[in-house]
Amino acid sequence: MIGAKDSQVFSRAQELGLSFITRDKGFGDIRKFPPSSHHGIVVLRMTPRTMLAVHGTLKRMLLEEKDLGEALFIVDHNKWRKRKKL
């Protein structure tokens, strides 16, 4: 879905019941994409310099977090933050 609008990507993921990983910071806006409205969104915050570290943090997160549903994860080069539905 390269080049698709955020709303199209979001709708398709929900239709398929999927979580998704993105570098698009717009998906980190909980006003537009509240955690209770989806099956999980992971936003990667990285630069070319931090890509390998971010991927390592993502790997650790995916091993530790068993349920991505109804949560937003922000992953950077050394940690992740999790926002669950209220």
PDB file of N, CA and C in Angstrom:
ATOM      1  N   MET A   1       0.816  -1.194   0.000  1.00  0.00           N
ATOM      2  CA  MET A   1       0.000   0.000   0.000  1.00  0.00           C
ATOM      3  C   MET A   1       0.862   1.261   0.000  1.00  0.00           C
ATOM      4  N   ILE A   2       2.005   1.152  -0.604  1.00  0.00           N
ATOM      5  CA  ILE A   2       2.900   2.297  -0.705  1.00  0.00           C
ATOM      6  C   ILE A   2       2.184   3.432  -1.416  1.00  0.00           C
ATOM      7  N   GLY A   3       2.229   4.604  -0.836  1.00  0.00           N
ATOM      8  CA  GLY A   3       1.604   5.772  -1.419  1.00  0.00           C
ATOM      9  C   GLY A   3       0.147   5.964  -1.045  1.00  0.00           C
ATOM     10  N   ALA A   4      -0.433   4.983  -0.341  1.00  0.00           N
ATOM     11  CA  ALA A   4      -1.829   5.097   0.077  1.00  0.00           C
ATOM     12  C   ALA A   4      -1.956   6.112   1.203  1.00  0.00           C
ATOM     13  N   LYS A   5      -3.117   6.697   1.324  1.00  0.00           N
ATOM     14  CA  LYS A   5      -3.391   7.628   2.418  1.00  0.00           C
ATOM     15  C   LYS A   5      -3.434   6.865   3.737  1.00  0.00           C
ATOM     16  N   ASP A   6      -3.120   7.577   4.826  1.00  0.00           N
ATOM     17  CA  ASP A   6      -3.143   6.951   6.153  1.00  0.00           C
ATOM     18  C   ASP A   6      -4.485   6.284   6.421  1.00  0.00           C
ATOM     19  N   SER A   7      -5.566   6.960   6.076  1.00  0.00           N
ATOM     20  CA  SER A   7      -6.900   6.407   6.349  1.00  0.00           C
ATOM     21  C   SER A   7      -7.123   5.097   5.596  1.00  0.00           C
ATOM     22  N   GLN A   8      -6.560   4.971   4.400  1.00  0.00           N
ATOM     23  CA  GLN A   8      -6.696   3.737   3.628  1.00  0.00           C
ATOM     24  C   GLN A   8      -5.884   2.598   4.256  1.00  0.00           C
ATOM     25  N   VAL A   9      -4.672   2.908   4.670  1.00  0.00           N
ATOM     26  CA  VAL A   9      -3.823   1.904   5.325  1.00  0.00           C
ATOM     27  C   VAL A   9      -4.492   1.433   6.605  1.00  0.00           C
ATOM     28  N   PHE A  10      -4.977   2.373   7.394  1.00  0.00           N
ATOM     29  CA  PHE A  10      -5.625   2.046   8.661  1.00  0.00           C
ATOM     30  C   PHE A  10      -6.859   1.176   8.422  1.00  0.00           C
ATOM     31  N   SER A  11      -7.710   1.576   7.494  1.00  0.00           N
ATOM     32  CA  SER A  11      -8.936   0.811   7.211  1.00  0.00           C
ATOM     33  C   SER A  11      -8.617  -0.606   6.754  1.00  0.00           C
ATOM     34  N   ARG A  12      -7.635  -0.746   5.899  1.00  0.00           N
ATOM     35  CA  ARG A  12      -7.280  -2.077   5.398  1.00  0.00           C
ATOM     36  C   ARG A  12      -6.757  -2.970   6.516  1.00  0.00           C
ATOM     37  N   ALA A  13      -5.926  -2.431   7.386  1.00  0.00           N
ATOM     38  CA  ALA A  13      -5.413  -3.217   8.516  1.00  0.00           C
ATOM     39  C   ALA A  13      -6.556  -3.667   9.416  1.00  0.00           C
ATOM     40  N   GLN A  14      -7.535  -2.801   9.624  1.00  0.00           N
ATOM     41  CA  GLN A  14      -8.667  -3.165  10.480  1.00  0.00           C
ATOM     42  C   GLN A  14      -9.536  -4.224   9.816  1.00  0.00           C
ATOM     43  N   GLU A  15      -9.745  -4.103   8.508  1.00  0.00           N
ATOM     44  CA  GLU A  15     -10.519  -5.113   7.770  1.00  0.00           C
ATOM     45  C   GLU A  15      -9.884  -6.494   7.902  1.00  0.00           C
ATOM     46  N   LEU A  16      -8.557  -6.536   7.870  1.00  0.00           N
ATOM     47  CA  LEU A  16      -7.830  -7.800   7.939  1.00  0.00           C
ATOM     48  C   LEU A  16      -7.526  -8.237   9.367  1.00  0.00           C
ATOM     49  N   GLY A  17      -7.827  -7.383  10.356  1.00  0.00           N
ATOM     50  CA  GLY A  17      -7.548  -7.714  11.753  1.00  0.00           C
ATOM     51  C   GLY A  17      -6.068  -7.734  12.073  1.00  0.00           C
ATOM     52  N   LEU A  18      -5.302  -6.843  11.445  1.00  0.00           N
ATOM     53  CA  LEU A  18      -3.852  -6.853  11.582  1.00  0.00           C
ATOM     54  C   LEU A  18      -3.316  -5.676  12.392  1.00  0.00           C
ATOM     55  N   SER A  19      -2.238  -5.930  13.098  1.00  0.00           N
ATOM     56  CA  SER A  19      -1.392  -4.875  13.645  1.00  0.00           C
ATOM     57  C   SER A  19      -0.453  -4.470  12.517  1.00  0.00           C
ATOM     58  N   PHE A  20       0.138  -3.273  12.611  1.00  0.00           N
ATOM     59  CA  PHE A  20       1.119  -2.916  11.596  1.00  0.00           C
ATOM     60  C   PHE A  20       2.218  -2.048  12.169  1.00  0.00           C
ATOM     61  N   ILE A  21       3.353  -2.091  11.472  1.00  0.00           N
ATOM     62  CA  ILE A  21       4.553  -1.341  11.843  1.00  0.00           C
ATOM     63  C   ILE A  21       4.785  -0.293  10.770  1.00  0.00           C
ATOM     64  N   THR A  22       5.076   0.932  11.211  1.00  0.00           N
ATOM     65  CA  THR A  22       5.257   2.026  10.268  1.00  0.00           C
ATOM     66  C   THR A  22       6.297   3.012  10.769  1.00  0.00           C
ATOM     67  N   ARG A  23       6.838   3.793   9.857  1.00  0.00           N
ATOM     68  CA  ARG A  23       7.700   4.918  10.235  1.00  0.00           C
ATOM     69  C   ARG A  23       6.926   6.226  10.155  1.00  0.00           C
ATOM     70  N   ASP A  24       5.677   6.177   9.761  1.00  0.00           N
ATOM     71  CA  ASP A  24       4.825   7.358   9.620  1.00  0.00           C
ATOM     72  C   ASP A  24       4.378   7.841  10.997  1.00  0.00           C
ATOM     73  N   LYS A  25       4.944   8.961  11.444  1.00  0.00           N
ATOM     74  CA  LYS A  25       4.648   9.481  12.782  1.00  0.00           C
ATOM     75  C   LYS A  25       3.188   9.888  12.956  1.00  0.00           C
ATOM     76  N   GLY A  26       2.477  10.118  11.855  1.00  0.00           N
ATOM     77  CA  GLY A  26       1.065  10.467  11.934  1.00  0.00           C
ATOM     78  C   GLY A  26       0.234   9.408  12.629  1.00  0.00           C
ATOM     79  N   PHE A  27       0.639   8.145  12.539  1.00  0.00           N
ATOM     80  CA  PHE A  27      -0.095   7.073  13.205  1.00  0.00           C
ATOM     81  C   PHE A  27       0.103   7.091  14.720  1.00  0.00           C
ATOM     82  N   GLY A  28       1.005   7.923  15.212  1.00  0.00           N
ATOM     83  CA  GLY A  28       1.210   8.074  16.645  1.00  0.00           C
ATOM     84  C   GLY A  28       0.231   9.045  17.287  1.00  0.00           C
ATOM     85  N   ASP A  29      -0.643   9.652  16.511  1.00  0.00           N
ATOM     86  CA  ASP A  29      -1.629  10.618  17.022  1.00  0.00           C
ATOM     87  C   ASP A  29      -2.840   9.860  17.568  1.00  0.00           C
ATOM     88  N   ILE A  30      -2.930   9.763  18.887  1.00  0.00           N
ATOM     89  CA  ILE A  30      -4.020   8.981  19.492  1.00  0.00           C
ATOM     90  C   ILE A  30      -5.381   9.654  19.358  1.00  0.00           C
ATOM     91  N   ARG A  31      -5.396  10.917  18.940  1.00  0.00           N
ATOM     92  CA  ARG A  31      -6.690  11.556  18.681  1.00  0.00           C
ATOM     93  C   ARG A  31      -7.276  11.036  17.372  1.00  0.00           C
ATOM     94  N   LYS A  32      -6.419  10.791  16.392  1.00  0.00           N
ATOM     95  CA  LYS A  32      -6.873  10.257  15.104  1.00  0.00           C
ATOM     96  C   LYS A  32      -6.982   8.738  15.112  1.00  0.00           C
ATOM     97  N   PHE A  33      -6.106   8.092  15.868  1.00  0.00           N
ATOM     98  CA  PHE A  33      -6.052   6.636  15.917  1.00  0.00           C
ATOM     99  C   PHE A  33      -6.018   6.165  17.373  1.00  0.00           C
ATOM    100  N   PRO A  34      -7.126   6.323  18.113  1.00  0.00           N
ATOM    101  CA  PRO A  34      -7.134   5.916  19.521  1.00  0.00           C
ATOM    102  C   PRO A  34      -6.848   4.414  19.654  1.00  0.00           C
ATOM    103  N   PRO A  35      -6.060   4.014  20.657  1.00  0.00           N
ATOM    104  CA  PRO A  35      -5.714   2.599  20.815  1.00  0.00           C
ATOM    105  C   PRO A  35      -6.917   1.657  20.841  1.00  0.00           C
ATOM    106  N   SER A  36      -8.043   2.105  21.332  1.00  0.00           N
ATOM    107  CA  SER A  36      -9.216   1.224  21.391  1.00  0.00           C
ATOM    108  C   SER A  36      -9.817   0.966  20.014  1.00  0.00           C
ATOM    109  N   SER A  37      -9.339   1.667  18.985  1.00  0.00           N
ATOM    110  CA  SER A  37      -9.944   1.557  17.660  1.00  0.00           C
ATOM    111  C   SER A  37      -9.191   0.638  16.699  1.00  0.00           C
ATOM    112  N   HIS A  38      -8.135  -0.021  17.162  1.00  0.00           N
ATOM    113  CA  HIS A  38      -7.330  -0.815  16.225  1.00  0.00           C
ATOM    114  C   HIS A  38      -6.705  -2.035  16.875  1.00  0.00           C
ATOM    115  N   HIS A  39      -6.056  -2.827  16.025  1.00  0.00           N
ATOM    116  CA  HIS A  39      -5.435  -4.083  16.444  1.00  0.00           C
ATOM    117  C   HIS A  39      -3.961  -3.918  16.795  1.00  0.00           C
ATOM    118  N   GLY A  40      -3.516  -2.687  16.869  1.00  0.00           N
ATOM    119  CA  GLY A  40      -2.134  -2.413  17.259  1.00  0.00           C
ATOM    120  C   GLY A  40      -1.366  -1.676  16.178  1.00  0.00           C
ATOM    121  N   ILE A  41      -0.698  -0.612  16.601  1.00  0.00           N
ATOM    122  CA  ILE A  41       0.154   0.164  15.710  1.00  0.00           C
ATOM    123  C   ILE A  41       1.513   0.319  16.400  1.00  0.00           C
ATOM    124  N   VAL A  42       2.568   0.077  15.628  1.00  0.00           N
ATOM    125  CA  VAL A  42       3.933   0.264  16.107  1.00  0.00           C
ATOM    126  C   VAL A  42       4.570   1.331  15.222  1.00  0.00           C
ATOM    127  N   VAL A  43       4.974   2.444  15.840  1.00  0.00           N
ATOM    128  CA  VAL A  43       5.614   3.535  15.105  1.00  0.00           C
ATOM    129  C   VAL A  43       7.112   3.511  15.427  1.00  0.00           C
ATOM    130  N   LEU A  44       7.920   3.381  14.381  1.00  0.00           N
ATOM    131  CA  LEU A  44       9.377   3.383  14.540  1.00  0.00           C
ATOM    132  C   LEU A  44       9.899   4.802  14.376  1.00  0.00           C
ATOM    133  N   ARG A  45      10.620   5.266  15.379  1.00  0.00           N
ATOM    134  CA  ARG A  45      11.247   6.595  15.325  1.00  0.00           C
ATOM    135  C   ARG A  45      12.728   6.382  15.113  1.00  0.00           C
ATOM    136  N   MET A  46      13.160   6.574  13.869  1.00  0.00           N
ATOM    137  CA  MET A  46      14.563   6.310  13.587  1.00  0.00           C
ATOM    138  C   MET A  46      15.079   7.194  12.471  1.00  0.00           C
ATOM    139  N   THR A  47      16.382   7.296  12.456  1.00  0.00           N
ATOM    140  CA  THR A  47      17.108   7.955  11.383  1.00  0.00           C
ATOM    141  C   THR A  47      17.974   6.870  10.739  1.00  0.00           C
ATOM    142  N   PRO A  48      18.565   7.146   9.592  1.00  0.00           N
ATOM    143  CA  PRO A  48      19.467   6.131   9.018  1.00  0.00           C
ATOM    144  C   PRO A  48      20.557   5.693  10.004  1.00  0.00           C
ATOM    145  N   ARG A  49      21.000   6.618  10.835  1.00  0.00           N
ATOM    146  CA  ARG A  49      22.066   6.325  11.808  1.00  0.00           C
ATOM    147  C   ARG A  49      21.590   5.382  12.915  1.00  0.00           C
ATOM    148  N   THR A  50      20.317   5.432  13.271  1.00  0.00           N
ATOM    149  CA  THR A  50      19.822   4.633  14.396  1.00  0.00           C
ATOM    150  C   THR A  50      19.024   3.405  13.963  1.00  0.00           C
ATOM    151  N   MET A  51      18.961   3.141  12.660  1.00  0.00           N
ATOM    152  CA  MET A  51      18.111   2.064  12.152  1.00  0.00           C
ATOM    153  C   MET A  51      18.399   0.706  12.803  1.00  0.00           C
ATOM    154  N   LEU A  52      19.649   0.291  12.883  1.00  0.00           N
ATOM    155  CA  LEU A  52      19.973  -1.014  13.461  1.00  0.00           C
ATOM    156  C   LEU A  52      19.586  -1.091  14.928  1.00  0.00           C
ATOM    157  N   ALA A  53      19.818  -0.014  15.672  1.00  0.00           N
ATOM    158  CA  ALA A  53      19.449   0.000  17.089  1.00  0.00           C
ATOM    159  C   ALA A  53      17.931  -0.074  17.250  1.00  0.00           C
ATOM    160  N   VAL A  54      17.193   0.665  16.427  1.00  0.00           N
ATOM    161  CA  VAL A  54      15.728   0.631  16.491  1.00  0.00           C
ATOM    162  C   VAL A  54      15.221  -0.772  16.171  1.00  0.00           C
ATOM    163  N   HIS A  55      15.796  -1.408  15.172  1.00  0.00           N
ATOM    164  CA  HIS A  55      15.377  -2.769  14.834  1.00  0.00           C
ATOM    165  C   HIS A  55      15.664  -3.732  15.991  1.00  0.00           C
ATOM    166  N   GLY A  56      16.769  -3.545  16.685  1.00  0.00           N
ATOM    167  CA  GLY A  56      17.067  -4.368  17.861  1.00  0.00           C
ATOM    168  C   GLY A  56      16.053  -4.146  18.968  1.00  0.00           C
ATOM    169  N   THR A  57      15.682  -2.902  19.205  1.00  0.00           N
ATOM    170  CA  THR A  57      14.675  -2.591  20.221  1.00  0.00           C
ATOM    171  C   THR A  57      13.328  -3.172  19.818  1.00  0.00           C
ATOM    172  N   LEU A  58      12.979  -3.065  18.542  1.00  0.00           N
ATOM    173  CA  LEU A  58      11.733  -3.642  18.046  1.00  0.00           C
ATOM    174  C   LEU A  58      11.711  -5.152  18.264  1.00  0.00           C
ATOM    175  N   LYS A  59      12.803  -5.806  17.990  1.00  0.00           N
ATOM    176  CA  LYS A  59      12.874  -7.258  18.197  1.00  0.00           C
ATOM    177  C   LYS A  59      12.630  -7.609  19.667  1.00  0.00           C
ATOM    178  N   ARG A  60      13.272  -6.881  20.575  1.00  0.00           N
ATOM    179  CA  ARG A  60      13.058  -7.129  22.014  1.00  0.00           C
ATOM    180  C   ARG A  60      11.600  -6.886  22.391  1.00  0.00           C
ATOM    181  N   MET A  61      11.016  -5.809  21.862  1.00  0.00           N
ATOM    182  CA  MET A  61       9.625  -5.489  22.164  1.00  0.00           C
ATOM    183  C   MET A  61       8.691  -6.608  21.701  1.00  0.00           C
ATOM    184  N   LEU A  62       8.905  -7.088  20.482  1.00  0.00           N
ATOM    185  CA  LEU A  62       8.033  -8.133  19.947  1.00  0.00           C
ATOM    186  C   LEU A  62       8.171  -9.445  20.716  1.00  0.00           C
ATOM    187  N   LEU A  63       9.332  -9.702  21.274  1.00  0.00           N
ATOM    188  CA  LEU A  63       9.505 -10.895  22.110  1.00  0.00           C
ATOM    189  C   LEU A  63       8.823 -10.738  23.465  1.00  0.00           C
ATOM    190  N   GLU A  64       8.818  -9.529  23.984  1.00  0.00           N
ATOM    191  CA  GLU A  64       8.256  -9.276  25.320  1.00  0.00           C
ATOM    192  C   GLU A  64       6.761  -8.994  25.299  1.00  0.00           C
ATOM    193  N   GLU A  65       6.295  -8.233  24.345  1.00  0.00           N
ATOM    194  CA  GLU A  65       4.881  -7.842  24.272  1.00  0.00           C
ATOM    195  C   GLU A  65       4.120  -8.894  23.471  1.00  0.00           C
ATOM    196  N   LYS A  66       3.328  -9.685  24.142  1.00  0.00           N
ATOM    197  CA  LYS A  66       2.618 -10.780  23.475  1.00  0.00           C
ATOM    198  C   LYS A  66       1.347 -10.323  22.784  1.00  0.00           C
ATOM    199  N   ASP A  67       0.746  -9.223  23.224  1.00  0.00           N
ATOM    200  CA  ASP A  67      -0.504  -8.753  22.647  1.00  0.00           C
ATOM    201  C   ASP A  67      -0.340  -7.302  22.204  1.00  0.00           C
ATOM    202  N   LEU A  68      -0.412  -7.070  20.912  1.00  0.00           N
ATOM    203  CA  LEU A  68      -0.266  -5.716  20.386  1.00  0.00           C
ATOM    204  C   LEU A  68      -1.610  -5.012  20.247  1.00  0.00           C
ATOM    205  N   GLY A  69      -2.701  -5.752  20.374  1.00  0.00           N
ATOM    206  CA  GLY A  69      -4.033  -5.205  20.150  1.00  0.00           C
ATOM    207  C   GLY A  69      -4.386  -4.069  21.084  1.00  0.00           C
ATOM    208  N   GLU A  70      -5.123  -3.117  20.530  1.00  0.00           N
ATOM    209  CA  GLU A  70      -5.599  -1.951  21.263  1.00  0.00           C
ATOM    210  C   GLU A  70      -4.472  -1.217  21.979  1.00  0.00           C
ATOM    211  N   ALA A  71      -3.330  -1.128  21.296  1.00  0.00           N
ATOM    212  CA  ALA A  71      -2.186  -0.424  21.879  1.00  0.00           C
ATOM    213  C   ALA A  71      -1.398   0.282  20.783  1.00  0.00           C
ATOM    214  N   LEU A  72      -0.785   1.380  21.171  1.00  0.00           N
ATOM    215  CA  LEU A  72       0.146   2.117  20.317  1.00  0.00           C
ATOM    216  C   LEU A  72       1.517   1.977  20.949  1.00  0.00           C
ATOM    217  N   PHE A  73       2.492   1.588  20.144  1.00  0.00           N
ATOM    218  CA  PHE A  73       3.872   1.467  20.598  1.00  0.00           C
ATOM    219  C   PHE A  73       4.719   2.456  19.810  1.00  0.00           C
ATOM    220  N   ILE A  74       5.532   3.211  20.533  1.00  0.00           N
ATOM    221  CA  ILE A  74       6.513   4.101  19.917  1.00  0.00           C
ATOM    222  C   ILE A  74       7.881   3.509  20.245  1.00  0.00           C
ATOM    223  N   VAL A  75       8.623   3.133  19.209  1.00  0.00           N
ATOM    224  CA  VAL A  75       9.909   2.459  19.383  1.00  0.00           C
ATOM    225  C   VAL A  75      11.018   3.381  18.893  1.00  0.00           C
ATOM    226  N   ASP A  76      12.026   3.602  19.755  1.00  0.00           N
ATOM    227  CA  ASP A  76      13.186   4.372  19.312  1.00  0.00           C
ATOM    228  C   ASP A  76      14.442   3.528  19.487  1.00  0.00           C
ATOM    229  N   HIS A  77      15.597   4.146  19.488  1.00  0.00           N
ATOM    230  CA  HIS A  77      16.858   3.399  19.449  1.00  0.00           C
ATOM    231  C   HIS A  77      17.191   2.634  20.730  1.00  0.00           C
ATOM    232  N   ASN A  78      16.513   2.896  21.838  1.00  0.00           N
ATOM    233  CA  ASN A  78      16.863   2.164  23.060  1.00  0.00           C
ATOM    234  C   ASN A  78      15.682   1.778  23.943  1.00  0.00           C
ATOM    235  N   LYS A  79      14.453   2.136  23.554  1.00  0.00           N
ATOM    236  CA  LYS A  79      13.300   1.805  24.395  1.00  0.00           C
ATOM    237  C   LYS A  79      12.021   1.863  23.573  1.00  0.00           C
ATOM    238  N   TRP A  80      10.931   1.431  24.196  1.00  0.00           N
ATOM    239  CA  TRP A  80       9.620   1.612  23.583  1.00  0.00           C
ATOM    240  C   TRP A  80       8.643   2.098  24.641  1.00  0.00           C
ATOM    241  N   ARG A  81       7.651   2.825  24.155  1.00  0.00           N
ATOM    242  CA  ARG A  81       6.570   3.293  25.019  1.00  0.00           C
ATOM    243  C   ARG A  81       5.282   2.660  24.527  1.00  0.00           C
ATOM    244  N   LYS A  82       4.407   2.361  25.461  1.00  0.00           N
ATOM    245  CA  LYS A  82       3.149   1.685  25.117  1.00  0.00           C
ATOM    246  C   LYS A  82       1.987   2.508  25.643  1.00  0.00           C
ATOM    247  N   ARG A  83       1.019   2.793  24.779  1.00  0.00           N
ATOM    248  CA  ARG A  83      -0.221   3.466  25.173  1.00  0.00           C
ATOM    249  C   ARG A  83      -1.348   2.476  24.937  1.00  0.00           C
ATOM    250  N   LYS A  84      -2.077   2.135  25.979  1.00  0.00           N
ATOM    251  CA  LYS A  84      -3.221   1.241  25.864  1.00  0.00           C
ATOM    252  C   LYS A  84      -4.495   2.045  25.853  1.00  0.00           C
ATOM    253  N   LYS A  85      -5.589   1.386  25.492  1.00  0.00           N
ATOM    254  CA  LYS A  85      -6.877   2.081  25.516  1.00  0.00           C
ATOM    255  C   LYS A  85      -7.205   2.490  26.939  1.00  0.00           C
ATOM    256  N   LEU A  86      -7.936   3.571  27.053  1.00  0.00           N
ATOM    257  CA  LEU A  86      -8.315   4.073  28.379  1.00  0.00           C
ATOM    258  C   LEU A  86      -9.575   3.415  28.868  1.00  0.00           C
TER     259      LEU A  86
END
